[in-house]
Amino acid sequence: MTQDTDALAAMERILSPHCRVTRLSGGALIADWRRTRFLGMTAADLRKFADRDSEERAELVTGLVRAGCATARRKAYTDAEVGLWLRGGHLLIRTLGFGRVLRLLPLVAPAYARTDIPSPADVARLKRAVEAHSRSSWFVNDDCKTEAVTAFVLLRRCGCKAVLHVGVREHPFALHAWTSSAGLCIPDADPRGHSFTPVLSIGG
């Protein structure tokens, strides 16, 4: 039962928003409500979705993408994109304000509803790139809001799960923003050993 539940959850993460999956006694039924199409899957095929490293699962995902029932993963970001998003994000925050930029996040991260869990190695690589560009730029200058927004957008645009947090510290009063994914935080959730209590989370 647990394996079947994991398989259904894995399938739902890659399905397009207009598709829904329903468990049946002999497998599952995918309903494509945009085109009024229905696809059936056997119990054996359904179980393959629980194994993320399986070649058979990759073949099934490719088949769903070709059938229009799943969204293909976007290409990974480049090091140059990290710098561009940092500078562009910082300019938007200074121009529009942090609150308005947060409301725009679902528009610039179109993979918002269908996400996979990234590997810690991928998130660590992004963290190193964000921190390196942020510290070397006089314009960004280690701004936590810009780093958090950049990490959130890049992860979500690659189809990865990420949550952006805004936290507060009372004594002395301060605000801090960070993005968490795969057990890591960009930037650190407790800079210089100061802990912040999350008061707003986006993407959770």
C-alpha atoms as a PDB file:
ATOM      1  CA  MET A   1       0.000   0.000   0.000  1.00  0.00           C
ATOM      2  CA  THR A   2       2.814   2.428   0.903  1.00  0.00           C
ATOM      3  CA  GLN A   3       4.670   1.657  -2.317  1.00  0.00           C
ATOM      4  CA  ASP A   4       1.519   2.266  -4.360  1.00  0.00           C
ATOM      5  CA  THR A   5       0.973   5.575  -2.566  1.00  0.00           C
ATOM      6  CA  ASP A   6       4.574   6.620  -3.278  1.00  0.00           C
ATOM      7  CA  ALA A   7       4.126   5.646  -6.920  1.00  0.00           C
ATOM      8  CA  LEU A   8       0.945   7.714  -7.249  1.00  0.00           C
ATOM      9  CA  ALA A   9       2.629  10.703  -5.608  1.00  0.00           C
ATOM     10  CA  ALA A  10       5.608  10.389  -7.965  1.00  0.00           C
ATOM     11  CA  MET A  11       3.289  10.257 -10.967  1.00  0.00           C
ATOM     12  CA  GLU A  12       1.257  13.268  -9.818  1.00  0.00           C
ATOM     13  CA  ARG A  13       4.439  15.352  -9.505  1.00  0.00           C
ATOM     14  CA  ILE A  14       5.248  15.012 -13.200  1.00  0.00           C
ATOM     15  CA  LEU A  15       1.709  15.239 -14.615  1.00  0.00           C
ATOM     16  CA  SER A  16       0.549  18.412 -16.320  1.00  0.00           C
ATOM     17  CA  PRO A  17      -1.913  20.541 -14.294  1.00  0.00           C
ATOM     18  CA  HIS A  18      -4.847  19.490 -16.507  1.00  0.00           C
ATOM     19  CA  CYS A  19      -4.247  15.768 -15.820  1.00  0.00           C
ATOM     20  CA  ARG A  20      -5.439  13.800 -12.791  1.00  0.00           C
ATOM     21  CA  VAL A  21      -4.571  10.276 -11.704  1.00  0.00           C
ATOM     22  CA  THR A  22      -7.035   7.911 -10.003  1.00  0.00           C
ATOM     23  CA  ARG A  23      -6.083   4.632  -8.344  1.00  0.00           C
ATOM     24  CA  LEU A  24      -7.861   1.543  -9.683  1.00  0.00           C
ATOM     25  CA  SER A  25      -7.792  -2.085  -8.540  1.00  0.00           C
ATOM     26  CA  GLY A  26      -5.587  -3.073 -11.487  1.00  0.00           C
ATOM     27  CA  GLY A  27      -3.440   0.065 -11.702  1.00  0.00           C
ATOM     28  CA  ALA A  28      -4.340   3.699 -12.347  1.00  0.00           C
ATOM     29  CA  LEU A  29      -6.316   5.905 -14.720  1.00  0.00           C
ATOM     30  CA  ILE A  30      -4.923   9.214 -16.014  1.00  0.00           C
ATOM     31  CA  ALA A  31      -7.659  11.658 -17.009  1.00  0.00           C
ATOM     32  CA  ASP A  32      -6.620  14.394 -19.430  1.00  0.00           C
ATOM     33  CA  TRP A  33      -9.454  16.883 -18.941  1.00  0.00           C
ATOM     34  CA  ARG A  34      -8.137  19.410 -21.459  1.00  0.00           C
ATOM     35  CA  ARG A  35      -8.418  16.980 -24.371  1.00  0.00           C
ATOM     36  CA  THR A  36     -10.967  14.583 -22.819  1.00  0.00           C
ATOM     37  CA  ARG A  37      -8.585  11.637 -23.049  1.00  0.00           C
ATOM     38  CA  PHE A  38      -8.055   8.768 -20.653  1.00  0.00           C
ATOM     39  CA  LEU A  39      -4.925   6.627 -20.285  1.00  0.00           C
ATOM     40  CA  GLY A  40      -4.749   3.429 -18.267  1.00  0.00           C
ATOM     41  CA  MET A  41      -1.650   2.120 -16.497  1.00  0.00           C
ATOM     42  CA  THR A  42      -1.091  -1.347 -15.072  1.00  0.00           C
ATOM     43  CA  ALA A  43      -0.127  -1.927 -11.453  1.00  0.00           C
ATOM     44  CA  ALA A  44       3.352  -3.027 -12.589  1.00  0.00           C
ATOM     45  CA  ASP A  45       3.925   0.215 -14.516  1.00  0.00           C
ATOM     46  CA  LEU A  46       2.590   2.233 -11.611  1.00  0.00           C
ATOM     47  CA  ARG A  47       5.105   0.693  -9.210  1.00  0.00           C
ATOM     48  CA  LYS A  48       7.978   1.724 -11.479  1.00  0.00           C
ATOM     49  CA  PHE A  49       7.293   5.361 -10.616  1.00  0.00           C
ATOM     50  CA  ALA A  50       8.417   4.755  -7.018  1.00  0.00           C
ATOM     51  CA  ASP A  51      11.973   4.032  -8.270  1.00  0.00           C
ATOM     52  CA  ARG A  52      13.366   7.400  -9.334  1.00  0.00           C
ATOM     53  CA  ASP A  53      16.598   5.909 -10.746  1.00  0.00           C
ATOM     54  CA  SER A  54      14.921   3.186 -12.810  1.00  0.00           C
ATOM     55  CA  GLU A  55      15.430   3.207 -16.583  1.00  0.00           C
ATOM     56  CA  GLU A  56      11.924   1.792 -16.973  1.00  0.00           C
ATOM     57  CA  ARG A  57      10.511   4.766 -15.039  1.00  0.00           C
ATOM     58  CA  ALA A  58      12.391   7.123 -17.368  1.00  0.00           C
ATOM     59  CA  GLU A  59      10.806   5.398 -20.358  1.00  0.00           C
ATOM     60  CA  LEU A  60       7.340   5.760 -18.845  1.00  0.00           C
ATOM     61  CA  VAL A  61       7.931   9.466 -18.121  1.00  0.00           C
ATOM     62  CA  THR A  62       9.125   9.972 -21.711  1.00  0.00           C
ATOM     63  CA  GLY A  63       5.951   8.298 -22.939  1.00  0.00           C
ATOM     64  CA  LEU A  64       3.770  10.579 -20.827  1.00  0.00           C
ATOM     65  CA  VAL A  65       5.651  13.658 -22.067  1.00  0.00           C
ATOM     66  CA  ARG A  66       5.130  12.579 -25.693  1.00  0.00           C
ATOM     67  CA  ALA A  67       1.431  11.967 -24.992  1.00  0.00           C
ATOM     68  CA  GLY A  68       1.146  15.504 -23.625  1.00  0.00           C
ATOM     69  CA  CYS A  69       0.260  14.332 -20.113  1.00  0.00           C
ATOM     70  CA  ALA A  70       3.505  15.407 -18.453  1.00  0.00           C
ATOM     71  CA  THR A  71       5.739  18.437 -18.565  1.00  0.00           C
ATOM     72  CA  ALA A  72       9.338  17.901 -19.618  1.00  0.00           C
ATOM     73  CA  ARG A  73      11.986  18.965 -17.125  1.00  0.00           C
ATOM     74  CA  ARG A  74      13.615  22.290 -17.910  1.00  0.00           C
ATOM     75  CA  LYS A  75      17.319  22.507 -18.524  1.00  0.00           C
ATOM     76  CA  ALA A  76      19.525  23.211 -15.538  1.00  0.00           C
ATOM     77  CA  TYR A  77      20.642  26.793 -14.949  1.00  0.00           C
ATOM     78  CA  THR A  78      24.103  28.023 -15.892  1.00  0.00           C
ATOM     79  CA  ASP A  79      26.555  29.968 -13.752  1.00  0.00           C
ATOM     80  CA  ALA A  80      25.909  33.075 -15.867  1.00  0.00           C
ATOM     81  CA  GLU A  81      22.152  32.779 -15.228  1.00  0.00           C
ATOM     82  CA  VAL A  82      22.777  32.856 -11.475  1.00  0.00           C
ATOM     83  CA  GLY A  83      24.505  36.216 -11.805  1.00  0.00           C
ATOM     84  CA  LEU A  84      21.799  37.620 -14.094  1.00  0.00           C
ATOM     85  CA  TRP A  85      18.964  36.532 -11.800  1.00  0.00           C
ATOM     86  CA  LEU A  86      20.767  37.971  -8.769  1.00  0.00           C
ATOM     87  CA  ARG A  87      21.222  41.392 -10.366  1.00  0.00           C
ATOM     88  CA  GLY A  88      17.763  41.419 -11.942  1.00  0.00           C
ATOM     89  CA  GLY A  89      16.100  40.242  -8.743  1.00  0.00           C
ATOM     90  CA  HIS A  90      17.906  42.828  -6.658  1.00  0.00           C
ATOM     91  CA  LEU A  91      16.852  45.600  -9.061  1.00  0.00           C
ATOM     92  CA  LEU A  92      13.215  44.449  -8.899  1.00  0.00           C
ATOM     93  CA  ILE A  93      13.260  44.332  -5.092  1.00  0.00           C
ATOM     94  CA  ARG A  94      14.687  47.849  -4.892  1.00  0.00           C
ATOM     95  CA  THR A  95      12.207  49.144  -7.483  1.00  0.00           C
ATOM     96  CA  LEU A  96       8.966  47.341  -6.612  1.00  0.00           C
ATOM     97  CA  GLY A  97       9.577  46.320  -3.014  1.00  0.00           C
ATOM     98  CA  PHE A  98      10.100  42.867  -1.534  1.00  0.00           C
ATOM     99  CA  GLY A  99       6.390  42.202  -0.954  1.00  0.00           C
ATOM    100  CA  ARG A 100       5.418  42.822  -4.579  1.00  0.00           C
ATOM    101  CA  VAL A 101       8.274  40.643  -5.817  1.00  0.00           C
ATOM    102  CA  LEU A 102       7.049  37.789  -3.620  1.00  0.00           C
ATOM    103  CA  ARG A 103       3.615  38.038  -5.231  1.00  0.00           C
ATOM    104  CA  LEU A 104       5.241  37.780  -8.684  1.00  0.00           C
ATOM    105  CA  LEU A 105       7.105  34.559  -7.896  1.00  0.00           C
ATOM    106  CA  PRO A 106       4.449  32.142  -9.267  1.00  0.00           C
ATOM    107  CA  LEU A 107       4.638  33.984 -12.604  1.00  0.00           C
ATOM    108  CA  VAL A 108       8.415  33.726 -13.012  1.00  0.00           C
ATOM    109  CA  ALA A 109       8.530  30.140 -11.694  1.00  0.00           C
ATOM    110  CA  PRO A 110       6.013  28.356 -13.987  1.00  0.00           C
ATOM    111  CA  ALA A 111       6.834  24.871 -12.637  1.00  0.00           C
ATOM    112  CA  TYR A 112       5.366  25.969  -9.308  1.00  0.00           C
ATOM    113  CA  ALA A 113       2.744  23.197  -8.993  1.00  0.00           C
ATOM    114  CA  ARG A 114       4.662  20.171 -10.331  1.00  0.00           C
ATOM    115  CA  THR A 115       7.957  19.643  -8.554  1.00  0.00           C
ATOM    116  CA  ASP A 116      10.567  17.004  -7.727  1.00  0.00           C
ATOM    117  CA  ILE A 117      12.958  16.837  -4.791  1.00  0.00           C
ATOM    118  CA  PRO A 118      16.455  17.879  -5.944  1.00  0.00           C
ATOM    119  CA  SER A 119      19.634  16.186  -4.801  1.00  0.00           C
ATOM    120  CA  PRO A 120      21.600  17.847  -1.957  1.00  0.00           C
ATOM    121  CA  ALA A 121      24.594  18.058  -4.330  1.00  0.00           C
ATOM    122  CA  ASP A 122      22.608  20.159  -6.834  1.00  0.00           C
ATOM    123  CA  VAL A 123      21.381  22.526  -4.118  1.00  0.00           C
ATOM    124  CA  ALA A 124      24.887  22.819  -2.648  1.00  0.00           C
ATOM    125  CA  ARG A 125      26.240  23.721  -6.087  1.00  0.00           C
ATOM    126  CA  LEU A 126      23.579  26.415  -6.482  1.00  0.00           C
ATOM    127  CA  LYS A 127      24.341  27.744  -3.000  1.00  0.00           C
ATOM    128  CA  ARG A 128      28.041  28.115  -3.814  1.00  0.00           C
ATOM    129  CA  ALA A 129      27.220  29.918  -7.073  1.00  0.00           C
ATOM    130  CA  VAL A 130      24.712  32.288  -5.438  1.00  0.00           C
ATOM    131  CA  GLU A 131      27.060  33.160  -2.589  1.00  0.00           C
ATOM    132  CA  ALA A 132      30.028  33.677  -4.930  1.00  0.00           C
ATOM    133  CA  HIS A 133      28.120  36.022  -7.255  1.00  0.00           C
ATOM    134  CA  SER A 134      26.473  37.873  -4.377  1.00  0.00           C
ATOM    135  CA  ARG A 135      29.731  38.574  -2.564  1.00  0.00           C
ATOM    136  CA  SER A 136      31.585  39.628  -5.697  1.00  0.00           C
ATOM    137  CA  SER A 137      28.880  42.084  -6.773  1.00  0.00           C
ATOM    138  CA  TRP A 138      28.897  45.549  -5.217  1.00  0.00           C
ATOM    139  CA  PHE A 139      25.303  45.934  -6.424  1.00  0.00           C
ATOM    140  CA  VAL A 140      23.872  42.855  -4.683  1.00  0.00           C
ATOM    141  CA  ASN A 141      26.298  42.976  -1.732  1.00  0.00           C
ATOM    142  CA  ASP A 142      25.195  39.843   0.158  1.00  0.00           C
ATOM    143  CA  ASP A 143      21.500  40.786   0.261  1.00  0.00           C
ATOM    144  CA  CYS A 144      19.592  37.847   1.762  1.00  0.00           C
ATOM    145  CA  LYS A 145      16.299  38.744   0.045  1.00  0.00           C
ATOM    146  CA  THR A 146      17.923  38.706  -3.390  1.00  0.00           C
ATOM    147  CA  GLU A 147      19.756  35.436  -2.715  1.00  0.00           C
ATOM    148  CA  ALA A 148      16.589  33.737  -1.442  1.00  0.00           C
ATOM    149  CA  VAL A 149      14.464  34.879  -4.397  1.00  0.00           C
ATOM    150  CA  THR A 150      17.140  33.877  -6.926  1.00  0.00           C
ATOM    151  CA  ALA A 151      17.545  30.406  -5.424  1.00  0.00           C
ATOM    152  CA  PHE A 152      13.774  29.884  -5.273  1.00  0.00           C
ATOM    153  CA  VAL A 153      13.201  30.922  -8.881  1.00  0.00           C
ATOM    154  CA  LEU A 154      16.075  28.886 -10.332  1.00  0.00           C
ATOM    155  CA  LEU A 155      15.119  25.751  -8.423  1.00  0.00           C
ATOM    156  CA  ARG A 156      11.441  25.999  -9.342  1.00  0.00           C
ATOM    157  CA  ARG A 157      12.192  26.732 -12.998  1.00  0.00           C
ATOM    158  CA  CYS A 158      14.220  23.511 -13.059  1.00  0.00           C
ATOM    159  CA  GLY A 159      11.211  21.631 -11.666  1.00  0.00           C
ATOM    160  CA  CYS A 160      12.654  21.233  -8.160  1.00  0.00           C
ATOM    161  CA  LYS A 161      10.873  21.626  -4.846  1.00  0.00           C
ATOM    162  CA  ALA A 162      11.813  24.743  -2.880  1.00  0.00           C
ATOM    163  CA  VAL A 163      10.258  26.859  -0.119  1.00  0.00           C
ATOM    164  CA  LEU A 164      11.060  30.527   0.457  1.00  0.00           C
ATOM    165  CA  HIS A 165      10.903  31.651   4.093  1.00  0.00           C
ATOM    166  CA  VAL A 166      10.819  35.101   5.649  1.00  0.00           C
ATOM    167  CA  GLY A 167      11.780  35.102   9.325  1.00  0.00           C
ATOM    168  CA  VAL A 168      11.929  37.580  12.169  1.00  0.00           C
ATOM    169  CA  ARG A 169      14.138  38.049  15.226  1.00  0.00           C
ATOM    170  CA  GLU A 170      12.829  40.119  18.122  1.00  0.00           C
ATOM    171  CA  HIS A 171      15.939  41.152  20.101  1.00  0.00           C
ATOM    172  CA  PRO A 172      17.381  43.060  18.367  1.00  0.00           C
ATOM    173  CA  PHE A 173      14.669  43.253  15.751  1.00  0.00           C
ATOM    174  CA  ALA A 174      15.685  42.015  12.296  1.00  0.00           C
ATOM    175  CA  LEU A 175      14.220  40.308   9.229  1.00  0.00           C
ATOM    176  CA  HIS A 176      15.857  37.584   7.176  1.00  0.00           C
ATOM    177  CA  ALA A 177      14.922  35.603   4.036  1.00  0.00           C
ATOM    178  CA  TRP A 178      16.139  32.212   2.846  1.00  0.00           C
ATOM    179  CA  THR A 179      15.123  29.375   0.524  1.00  0.00           C
ATOM    180  CA  SER A 180      15.171  25.771   1.747  1.00  0.00           C
ATOM    181  CA  SER A 181      15.474  22.727  -0.486  1.00  0.00           C
ATOM    182  CA  ALA A 182      16.773  19.186   0.052  1.00  0.00           C
ATOM    183  CA  GLY A 183      17.710  20.025   3.644  1.00  0.00           C
ATOM    184  CA  LEU A 184      19.894  23.022   2.705  1.00  0.00           C
ATOM    185  CA  CYS A 185      19.230  26.756   2.974  1.00  0.00           C
ATOM    186  CA  ILE A 186      20.217  29.568   0.582  1.00  0.00           C
ATOM    187  CA  PRO A 187      21.456  31.747   2.239  1.00  0.00           C
ATOM    188  CA  ASP A 188      21.939  30.218   5.704  1.00  0.00           C
ATOM    189  CA  ALA A 189      18.794  30.245   7.838  1.00  0.00           C
ATOM    190  CA  ASP A 190      20.752  31.349  10.930  1.00  0.00           C
ATOM    191  CA  PRO A 191      23.433  33.810   9.787  1.00  0.00           C
ATOM    192  CA  ARG A 192      26.166  34.416  12.358  1.00  0.00           C
ATOM    193  CA  GLY A 193      24.392  32.033  14.721  1.00  0.00           C
ATOM    194  CA  HIS A 194      21.237  34.184  15.016  1.00  0.00           C
ATOM    195  CA  SER A 195      18.008  32.199  14.728  1.00  0.00           C
ATOM    196  CA  PHE A 196      14.944  33.584  12.945  1.00  0.00           C
ATOM    197  CA  THR A 197      11.340  32.453  13.381  1.00  0.00           C
ATOM    198  CA  PRO A 198       9.589  31.972  10.011  1.00  0.00           C
ATOM    199  CA  VAL A 199       6.516  34.199   9.655  1.00  0.00           C
ATOM    200  CA  LEU A 200       5.907  33.606   5.930  1.00  0.00           C
ATOM    201  CA  SER A 201       6.595  30.567   3.729  1.00  0.00           C
ATOM    202  CA  ILE A 202       5.993  30.369  -0.029  1.00  0.00           C
ATOM    203  CA  GLY A 203       5.916  27.062  -1.880  1.00  0.00           C
ATOM    204  CA  GLY A 204       5.306  24.765   1.082  1.00  0.00           C
END
